Amino acid sequence: MSDFSLPAGNVEGAMMSGAMVIGAGPGIGRAVALRFGREGLPVSLVARTAATLSETAAVLAAQDRPVVTLTADVTDEGALRAAIDVAVEELGVPDVVVYNAAIIQSDAPGQLSARGQLDAWAVNVVGALTAAAHVLPGMAARGGGSFIITGGMPEPKPEYVSLSLGKAGVRTLVELLDLEYGKAAIHVATVTVAGAVAPGTAFDPDDIAEHYWTLHSQPRHEWMRELVHDG
């Protein structure tokens, strides 16, 4: 499912680059989308439900930013790939992809079933791999771009087993993707958020969103693999 709109007079045709935010819910996803929109980039938004996207899309549209909204469960490989394909067809190969989907829950060792651990891993890590494998070859062929994953848990915590494992997996995935695509001018990085995100706190999503723009706009000789927001 998609909803596509272009401001009259600002865009010639539908093939443009821009930012793609996967996991564009309230909080960091919304803040990142609006941050890139302020730089004049078209934005494609992917989330599990259309209701999650409507407010962010409305704000971007009111600012005359081209916006595409798409629904996909990141654990559904076919649906996620299809959503990416629609976004690329509508706006072009993105300049930057942000993977922000995650299952955030507390679970002690052995508390979560094996199925529960696999479900968390599928969202926290495998969805990011699916997105990267599908979009990065086109970005490399186009000549570069950024792929940024939201990380967390700088240190593993026994009360957050599935999240600790997932965020460790994200760090490894970032390193693997950098080895594969860094030479093709793809900046692969993670923004590690070391606390609970909430507006008006030291972990305000608008403040965190600045890190994504910083990473995307860094000159190649200054590329960072990880940027930590510790409040």
C-alpha atoms as a PDB file:
ATOM      1  CA  MET A   1       0.000   0.000   0.000  1.00  0.00           C
ATOM      2  CA  SER A   2       1.377   3.397  -0.923  1.00  0.00           C
ATOM      3  CA  ASP A   3       0.349   7.022  -0.910  1.00  0.00           C
ATOM      4  CA  PHE A   4       2.363   9.315  -3.144  1.00  0.00           C
ATOM      5  CA  SER A   5       2.151  13.072  -3.566  1.00  0.00           C
ATOM      6  CA  LEU A   6       4.379  15.660  -5.208  1.00  0.00           C
ATOM      7  CA  PRO A   7       4.100  19.424  -4.737  1.00  0.00           C
ATOM      8  CA  ALA A   8       3.188  21.089  -8.010  1.00  0.00           C
ATOM      9  CA  GLY A   9       5.986  23.016  -9.664  1.00  0.00           C
ATOM     10  CA  ASN A  10       8.765  21.704  -7.441  1.00  0.00           C
ATOM     11  CA  VAL A  11       9.500  18.351  -9.032  1.00  0.00           C
ATOM     12  CA  GLU A  12      10.068  17.353 -12.613  1.00  0.00           C
ATOM     13  CA  GLY A  13       8.702  13.827 -12.965  1.00  0.00           C
ATOM     14  CA  ALA A  14       8.728  11.284 -10.163  1.00  0.00           C
ATOM     15  CA  MET A  15      12.320  10.065 -10.293  1.00  0.00           C
ATOM     16  CA  MET A  16      14.124  11.787  -7.448  1.00  0.00           C
ATOM     17  CA  SER A  17      16.499  10.729  -4.732  1.00  0.00           C
ATOM     18  CA  GLY A  18      15.900  11.346  -1.079  1.00  0.00           C
ATOM     19  CA  ALA A  19      15.655   9.662   2.307  1.00  0.00           C
ATOM     20  CA  MET A  20      13.985   6.350   3.114  1.00  0.00           C
ATOM     21  CA  VAL A  21      13.009   5.690   6.730  1.00  0.00           C
ATOM     22  CA  ILE A  22      12.102   2.097   7.579  1.00  0.00           C
ATOM     23  CA  GLY A  23      10.416   1.917  10.949  1.00  0.00           C
ATOM     24  CA  ALA A  24       8.998   5.424  10.641  1.00  0.00           C
ATOM     25  CA  GLY A  25       6.901   5.398  13.783  1.00  0.00           C
ATOM     26  CA  PRO A  26       6.626   8.113  16.416  1.00  0.00           C
ATOM     27  CA  GLY A  27       9.842   9.025  18.152  1.00  0.00           C
ATOM     28  CA  ILE A  28      13.121   8.612  16.300  1.00  0.00           C
ATOM     29  CA  GLY A  29      11.580   7.547  12.982  1.00  0.00           C
ATOM     30  CA  ARG A  30       9.355  10.603  12.783  1.00  0.00           C
ATOM     31  CA  ALA A  31      12.136  12.942  13.934  1.00  0.00           C
ATOM     32  CA  VAL A  32      14.608  11.580  11.377  1.00  0.00           C
ATOM     33  CA  ALA A  33      12.091  11.870   8.549  1.00  0.00           C
ATOM     34  CA  LEU A  34      11.363  15.490   9.417  1.00  0.00           C
ATOM     35  CA  ARG A  35      15.079  16.259   9.843  1.00  0.00           C
ATOM     36  CA  PHE A  36      15.890  15.064   6.337  1.00  0.00           C
ATOM     37  CA  GLY A  37      12.782  16.779   5.030  1.00  0.00           C
ATOM     38  CA  ARG A  38      14.071  20.089   6.390  1.00  0.00           C
ATOM     39  CA  GLU A  39      17.098  19.662   4.134  1.00  0.00           C
ATOM     40  CA  GLY A  40      14.761  19.564   1.151  1.00  0.00           C
ATOM     41  CA  LEU A  41      14.926  15.816   0.555  1.00  0.00           C
ATOM     42  CA  PRO A  42      11.927  13.823  -0.623  1.00  0.00           C
ATOM     43  CA  VAL A  43      11.090  11.170   1.969  1.00  0.00           C
ATOM     44  CA  SER A  44       9.684   7.651   1.759  1.00  0.00           C
ATOM     45  CA  LEU A  45       8.262   6.220   4.974  1.00  0.00           C
ATOM     46  CA  VAL A  46       7.808   2.528   5.755  1.00  0.00           C
ATOM     47  CA  ALA A  47       5.938   1.169   8.772  1.00  0.00           C
ATOM     48  CA  ARG A  48       3.668  -1.736   9.644  1.00  0.00           C
ATOM     49  CA  THR A  49       0.476   0.327   9.608  1.00  0.00           C
ATOM     50  CA  ALA A  50      -0.687   3.323   7.599  1.00  0.00           C
ATOM     51  CA  ALA A  51      -1.963   5.047  10.747  1.00  0.00           C
ATOM     52  CA  THR A  52       1.599   5.198  12.050  1.00  0.00           C
ATOM     53  CA  LEU A  53       2.676   7.212   9.017  1.00  0.00           C
ATOM     54  CA  SER A  54      -0.181   9.651   8.536  1.00  0.00           C
ATOM     55  CA  GLU A  55       0.902  12.454  10.877  1.00  0.00           C
ATOM     56  CA  THR A  56       4.526  12.502   9.721  1.00  0.00           C
ATOM     57  CA  ALA A  57       3.458  12.402   6.079  1.00  0.00           C
ATOM     58  CA  ALA A  58       1.045  15.281   6.659  1.00  0.00           C
ATOM     59  CA  VAL A  59       3.787  17.446   8.184  1.00  0.00           C
ATOM     60  CA  LEU A  60       6.140  16.740   5.261  1.00  0.00           C
ATOM     61  CA  ALA A  61       3.403  17.437   2.710  1.00  0.00           C
ATOM     62  CA  ALA A  62       2.570  20.724   4.443  1.00  0.00           C
ATOM     63  CA  GLN A  63       6.219  21.693   3.973  1.00  0.00           C
ATOM     64  CA  ASP A  64       5.957  20.889   0.241  1.00  0.00           C
ATOM     65  CA  ARG A  65       8.179  17.840   0.565  1.00  0.00           C
ATOM     66  CA  PRO A  66       7.495  14.914  -1.766  1.00  0.00           C
ATOM     67  CA  VAL A  67       6.488  11.980   0.435  1.00  0.00           C
ATOM     68  CA  VAL A  68       5.668   8.328  -0.152  1.00  0.00           C
ATOM     69  CA  THR A  69       4.059   6.221   2.575  1.00  0.00           C
ATOM     70  CA  LEU A  70       4.290   2.447   2.447  1.00  0.00           C
ATOM     71  CA  THR A  71       3.213  -0.349   4.756  1.00  0.00           C
ATOM     72  CA  ALA A  72       5.307  -3.469   5.304  1.00  0.00           C
ATOM     73  CA  ASP A  73       6.253  -5.747   8.157  1.00  0.00           C
ATOM     74  CA  VAL A  74      10.049  -5.843   8.186  1.00  0.00           C
ATOM     75  CA  THR A  75       9.927  -9.574   9.016  1.00  0.00           C
ATOM     76  CA  ASP A  76       8.069 -10.213   5.733  1.00  0.00           C
ATOM     77  CA  GLU A  77      10.928 -10.282   3.245  1.00  0.00           C
ATOM     78  CA  GLY A  78       8.702 -10.061   0.179  1.00  0.00           C
ATOM     79  CA  ALA A  79       6.644  -7.175   1.546  1.00  0.00           C
ATOM     80  CA  LEU A  80       9.715  -5.205   2.617  1.00  0.00           C
ATOM     81  CA  ARG A  81      11.414  -5.684  -0.735  1.00  0.00           C
ATOM     82  CA  ALA A  82       8.213  -4.669  -2.531  1.00  0.00           C
ATOM     83  CA  ALA A  83       7.896  -1.514  -0.432  1.00  0.00           C
ATOM     84  CA  ILE A  84      11.485  -0.555  -1.222  1.00  0.00           C
ATOM     85  CA  ASP A  85      10.836  -1.151  -4.917  1.00  0.00           C
ATOM     86  CA  VAL A  86       7.813   1.168  -4.871  1.00  0.00           C
ATOM     87  CA  ALA A  87       9.780   3.890  -3.092  1.00  0.00           C
ATOM     88  CA  VAL A  88      12.604   3.620  -5.638  1.00  0.00           C
ATOM     89  CA  GLU A  89      10.139   3.664  -8.527  1.00  0.00           C
ATOM     90  CA  GLU A  90       8.441   6.777  -7.162  1.00  0.00           C
ATOM     91  CA  LEU A  91      11.434   8.780  -5.910  1.00  0.00           C
ATOM     92  CA  GLY A  92      14.534   7.105  -7.317  1.00  0.00           C
ATOM     93  CA  VAL A  93      17.405   5.321  -5.601  1.00  0.00           C
ATOM     94  CA  PRO A  94      17.660   6.929  -2.148  1.00  0.00           C
ATOM     95  CA  ASP A  95      20.567   9.032  -0.966  1.00  0.00           C
ATOM     96  CA  VAL A  96      20.125   7.683   2.550  1.00  0.00           C
ATOM     97  CA  VAL A  97      18.280   4.750   4.108  1.00  0.00           C
ATOM     98  CA  VAL A  98      17.581   4.711   7.853  1.00  0.00           C
ATOM     99  CA  TYR A  99      16.578   1.392   9.423  1.00  0.00           C
ATOM    100  CA  ASN A 100      14.831   2.194  12.679  1.00  0.00           C
ATOM    101  CA  ALA A 101      12.652  -0.864  13.317  1.00  0.00           C
ATOM    102  CA  ALA A 102      13.170  -2.667  16.628  1.00  0.00           C
ATOM    103  CA  ILE A 103      11.445  -4.725  19.289  1.00  0.00           C
ATOM    104  CA  ILE A 104      12.244  -3.075  22.608  1.00  0.00           C
ATOM    105  CA  GLN A 105      11.331  -5.276  25.552  1.00  0.00           C
ATOM    106  CA  SER A 106      12.746  -6.409  28.857  1.00  0.00           C
ATOM    107  CA  ASP A 107      13.561 -10.097  29.208  1.00  0.00           C
ATOM    108  CA  ALA A 108      15.976 -11.867  31.539  1.00  0.00           C
ATOM    109  CA  PRO A 109      18.071 -14.870  30.436  1.00  0.00           C
ATOM    110  CA  GLY A 110      15.704 -17.729  29.673  1.00  0.00           C
ATOM    111  CA  GLN A 111      12.574 -15.656  30.248  1.00  0.00           C
ATOM    112  CA  LEU A 112      11.701 -15.318  26.567  1.00  0.00           C
ATOM    113  CA  SER A 113      10.891 -18.402  24.528  1.00  0.00           C
ATOM    114  CA  ALA A 114      13.089 -19.422  21.610  1.00  0.00           C
ATOM    115  CA  ARG A 115      10.316 -18.263  19.287  1.00  0.00           C
ATOM    116  CA  GLY A 116      10.253 -14.910  21.037  1.00  0.00           C
ATOM    117  CA  GLN A 117      14.008 -14.516  20.675  1.00  0.00           C
ATOM    118  CA  LEU A 118      13.799 -15.351  16.968  1.00  0.00           C
ATOM    119  CA  ASP A 119      10.957 -12.881  16.467  1.00  0.00           C
ATOM    120  CA  ALA A 120      12.997 -10.107  18.102  1.00  0.00           C
ATOM    121  CA  TRP A 121      16.098 -10.998  16.061  1.00  0.00           C
ATOM    122  CA  ALA A 122      14.027 -10.921  12.869  1.00  0.00           C
ATOM    123  CA  VAL A 123      13.029  -7.301  13.490  1.00  0.00           C
ATOM    124  CA  ASN A 124      16.207  -6.004  15.109  1.00  0.00           C
ATOM    125  CA  VAL A 125      18.731  -7.515  12.701  1.00  0.00           C
ATOM    126  CA  VAL A 126      17.337  -9.576   9.812  1.00  0.00           C
ATOM    127  CA  GLY A 127      15.020  -6.816   8.588  1.00  0.00           C
ATOM    128  CA  ALA A 128      18.004  -4.487   8.354  1.00  0.00           C
ATOM    129  CA  LEU A 129      19.918  -7.118   6.386  1.00  0.00           C
ATOM    130  CA  THR A 130      16.974  -7.637   4.032  1.00  0.00           C
ATOM    131  CA  ALA A 131      16.697  -3.905   3.382  1.00  0.00           C
ATOM    132  CA  ALA A 132      20.441  -3.480   2.881  1.00  0.00           C
ATOM    133  CA  ALA A 133      20.762  -6.429   0.523  1.00  0.00           C
ATOM    134  CA  HIS A 134      17.906  -5.071  -1.586  1.00  0.00           C
ATOM    135  CA  VAL A 135      18.762  -1.381  -1.748  1.00  0.00           C
ATOM    136  CA  LEU A 136      22.551  -1.108  -1.442  1.00  0.00           C
ATOM    137  CA  PRO A 137      23.493  -2.603  -4.843  1.00  0.00           C
ATOM    138  CA  GLY A 138      21.464   0.127  -6.551  1.00  0.00           C
ATOM    139  CA  MET A 139      22.973   2.815  -4.352  1.00  0.00           C
ATOM    140  CA  ALA A 140      26.462   1.509  -5.136  1.00  0.00           C
ATOM    141  CA  ALA A 141      25.721   1.485  -8.870  1.00  0.00           C
ATOM    142  CA  ARG A 142      24.381   5.035  -8.585  1.00  0.00           C
ATOM    143  CA  GLY A 143      27.625   6.147  -6.940  1.00  0.00           C
ATOM    144  CA  GLY A 144      27.164   6.207  -3.182  1.00  0.00           C
ATOM    145  CA  GLY A 145      24.910   7.052  -0.278  1.00  0.00           C
ATOM    146  CA  SER A 146      24.339   6.277   3.381  1.00  0.00           C
ATOM    147  CA  PHE A 147      22.773   3.322   5.200  1.00  0.00           C
ATOM    148  CA  ILE A 148      22.239   4.071   8.883  1.00  0.00           C
ATOM    149  CA  ILE A 149      20.808   1.697  11.487  1.00  0.00           C
ATOM    150  CA  THR A 150      19.456   2.734  14.872  1.00  0.00           C
ATOM    151  CA  GLY A 151      21.474   0.936  17.510  1.00  0.00           C
ATOM    152  CA  GLY A 152      21.433   0.852  21.288  1.00  0.00           C
ATOM    153  CA  MET A 153      22.671  -0.985  24.350  1.00  0.00           C
ATOM    154  CA  PRO A 154      26.321   0.163  24.355  1.00  0.00           C
ATOM    155  CA  GLU A 155      26.827  -2.457  27.054  1.00  0.00           C
ATOM    156  CA  PRO A 156      24.755  -5.667  27.240  1.00  0.00           C
ATOM    157  CA  LYS A 157      22.303  -5.869  30.136  1.00  0.00           C
ATOM    158  CA  PRO A 158      20.921  -9.128  31.539  1.00  0.00           C
ATOM    159  CA  GLU A 159      17.477  -7.584  31.939  1.00  0.00           C
ATOM    160  CA  TYR A 160      17.387  -6.854  28.185  1.00  0.00           C
ATOM    161  CA  VAL A 161      18.650 -10.076  26.621  1.00  0.00           C
ATOM    162  CA  SER A 162      16.899  -9.956  23.235  1.00  0.00           C
ATOM    163  CA  LEU A 163      17.658  -6.268  22.755  1.00  0.00           C
ATOM    164  CA  SER A 164      21.299  -6.677  23.822  1.00  0.00           C
ATOM    165  CA  LEU A 165      21.747  -9.543  21.372  1.00  0.00           C
ATOM    166  CA  GLY A 166      20.012  -7.593  18.628  1.00  0.00           C
ATOM    167  CA  LYS A 167      22.073  -4.466  19.032  1.00  0.00           C
ATOM    168  CA  ALA A 168      25.289  -6.498  19.103  1.00  0.00           C
ATOM    169  CA  GLY A 169      24.086  -8.035  15.847  1.00  0.00           C
ATOM    170  CA  VAL A 170      23.505  -4.555  14.411  1.00  0.00           C
ATOM    171  CA  ARG A 171      27.108  -3.567  15.134  1.00  0.00           C
ATOM    172  CA  THR A 172      28.390  -6.671  13.371  1.00  0.00           C
ATOM    173  CA  LEU A 173      26.037  -6.124  10.443  1.00  0.00           C
ATOM    174  CA  VAL A 174      27.271  -2.551  10.049  1.00  0.00           C
ATOM    175  CA  GLU A 175      30.857  -3.789   9.925  1.00  0.00           C
ATOM    176  CA  LEU A 176      30.003  -6.479   7.358  1.00  0.00           C
ATOM    177  CA  LEU A 177      28.102  -4.041   5.153  1.00  0.00           C
ATOM    178  CA  ASP A 178      30.953  -1.549   5.371  1.00  0.00           C
ATOM    179  CA  LEU A 179      33.394  -4.232   4.240  1.00  0.00           C
ATOM    180  CA  GLU A 180      31.128  -5.073   1.318  1.00  0.00           C
ATOM    181  CA  TYR A 181      29.958  -1.619   0.230  1.00  0.00           C
ATOM    182  CA  GLY A 182      32.305   0.946   1.782  1.00  0.00           C
ATOM    183  CA  LYS A 183      34.556   0.730  -1.241  1.00  0.00           C
ATOM    184  CA  ALA A 184      31.542   1.682  -3.379  1.00  0.00           C
ATOM    185  CA  ALA A 185      31.163   4.984  -1.458  1.00  0.00           C
ATOM    186  CA  ILE A 186      28.367   3.704   0.776  1.00  0.00           C
ATOM    187  CA  HIS A 187      28.631   5.095   4.308  1.00  0.00           C
ATOM    188  CA  VAL A 188      27.291   2.388   6.636  1.00  0.00           C
ATOM    189  CA  ALA A 189      26.917   3.447  10.245  1.00  0.00           C
ATOM    190  CA  THR A 190      24.852   3.158  13.386  1.00  0.00           C
ATOM    191  CA  VAL A 191      23.419   5.736  15.748  1.00  0.00           C
ATOM    192  CA  THR A 192      23.613   4.117  19.170  1.00  0.00           C
ATOM    193  CA  VAL A 193      21.000   5.434  21.579  1.00  0.00           C
ATOM    194  CA  ALA A 194      22.037   4.708  25.149  1.00  0.00           C
ATOM    195  CA  GLY A 195      18.772   5.432  26.933  1.00  0.00           C
ATOM    196  CA  ALA A 196      14.985   5.590  26.761  1.00  0.00           C
ATOM    197  CA  VAL A 197      13.771   7.989  24.069  1.00  0.00           C
ATOM    198  CA  ALA A 198      11.298  10.638  25.234  1.00  0.00           C
ATOM    199  CA  PRO A 199      10.577  14.235  24.158  1.00  0.00           C
ATOM    200  CA  GLY A 200      11.914  16.918  26.478  1.00  0.00           C
ATOM    201  CA  THR A 201      14.561  14.681  28.014  1.00  0.00           C
ATOM    202  CA  ALA A 202      18.263  14.122  27.365  1.00  0.00           C
ATOM    203  CA  PHE A 203      17.086  11.543  24.844  1.00  0.00           C
ATOM    204  CA  ASP A 204      14.752  13.788  22.893  1.00  0.00           C
ATOM    205  CA  PRO A 205      14.155  12.276  19.431  1.00  0.00           C
ATOM    206  CA  ASP A 206      14.727  15.628  17.730  1.00  0.00           C
ATOM    207  CA  ASP A 207      18.206  15.817  19.262  1.00  0.00           C
ATOM    208  CA  ILE A 208      18.939  12.216  18.327  1.00  0.00           C
ATOM    209  CA  ALA A 209      17.826  12.858  14.734  1.00  0.00           C
ATOM    210  CA  GLU A 210      20.674  15.342  14.303  1.00  0.00           C
ATOM    211  CA  HIS A 211      23.145  12.447  14.482  1.00  0.00           C
ATOM    212  CA  TYR A 212      21.655  10.836  11.390  1.00  0.00           C
ATOM    213  CA  TRP A 213      22.090  14.017   9.403  1.00  0.00           C
ATOM    214  CA  THR A 214      25.639  14.389  10.749  1.00  0.00           C
ATOM    215  CA  LEU A 215      26.565  10.898   9.574  1.00  0.00           C
ATOM    216  CA  HIS A 216      24.925  11.323   6.179  1.00  0.00           C
ATOM    217  CA  SER A 217      26.572  14.687   5.512  1.00  0.00           C
ATOM    218  CA  GLN A 218      30.090  13.718   6.647  1.00  0.00           C
ATOM    219  CA  PRO A 219      32.830  13.939   4.003  1.00  0.00           C
ATOM    220  CA  ARG A 220      34.180  10.513   3.180  1.00  0.00           C
ATOM    221  CA  HIS A 221      37.518  11.116   4.900  1.00  0.00           C
ATOM    222  CA  GLU A 222      35.624  11.833   8.147  1.00  0.00           C
ATOM    223  CA  TRP A 223      33.239   8.869   8.052  1.00  0.00           C
ATOM    224  CA  MET A 224      32.341   7.421  11.449  1.00  0.00           C
ATOM    225  CA  ARG A 225      31.075   3.865  11.879  1.00  0.00           C
ATOM    226  CA  GLU A 226      29.135   4.651  15.063  1.00  0.00           C
ATOM    227  CA  LEU A 227      27.823   7.758  16.741  1.00  0.00           C
ATOM    228  CA  VAL A 228      26.618   7.395  20.338  1.00  0.00           C
ATOM    229  CA  HIS A 229      23.904   9.512  21.926  1.00  0.00           C
ATOM    230  CA  ASP A 230      24.365   9.069  25.665  1.00  0.00           C
ATOM    231  CA  GLY A 231      22.355  12.036  26.871  1.00  0.00           C
END
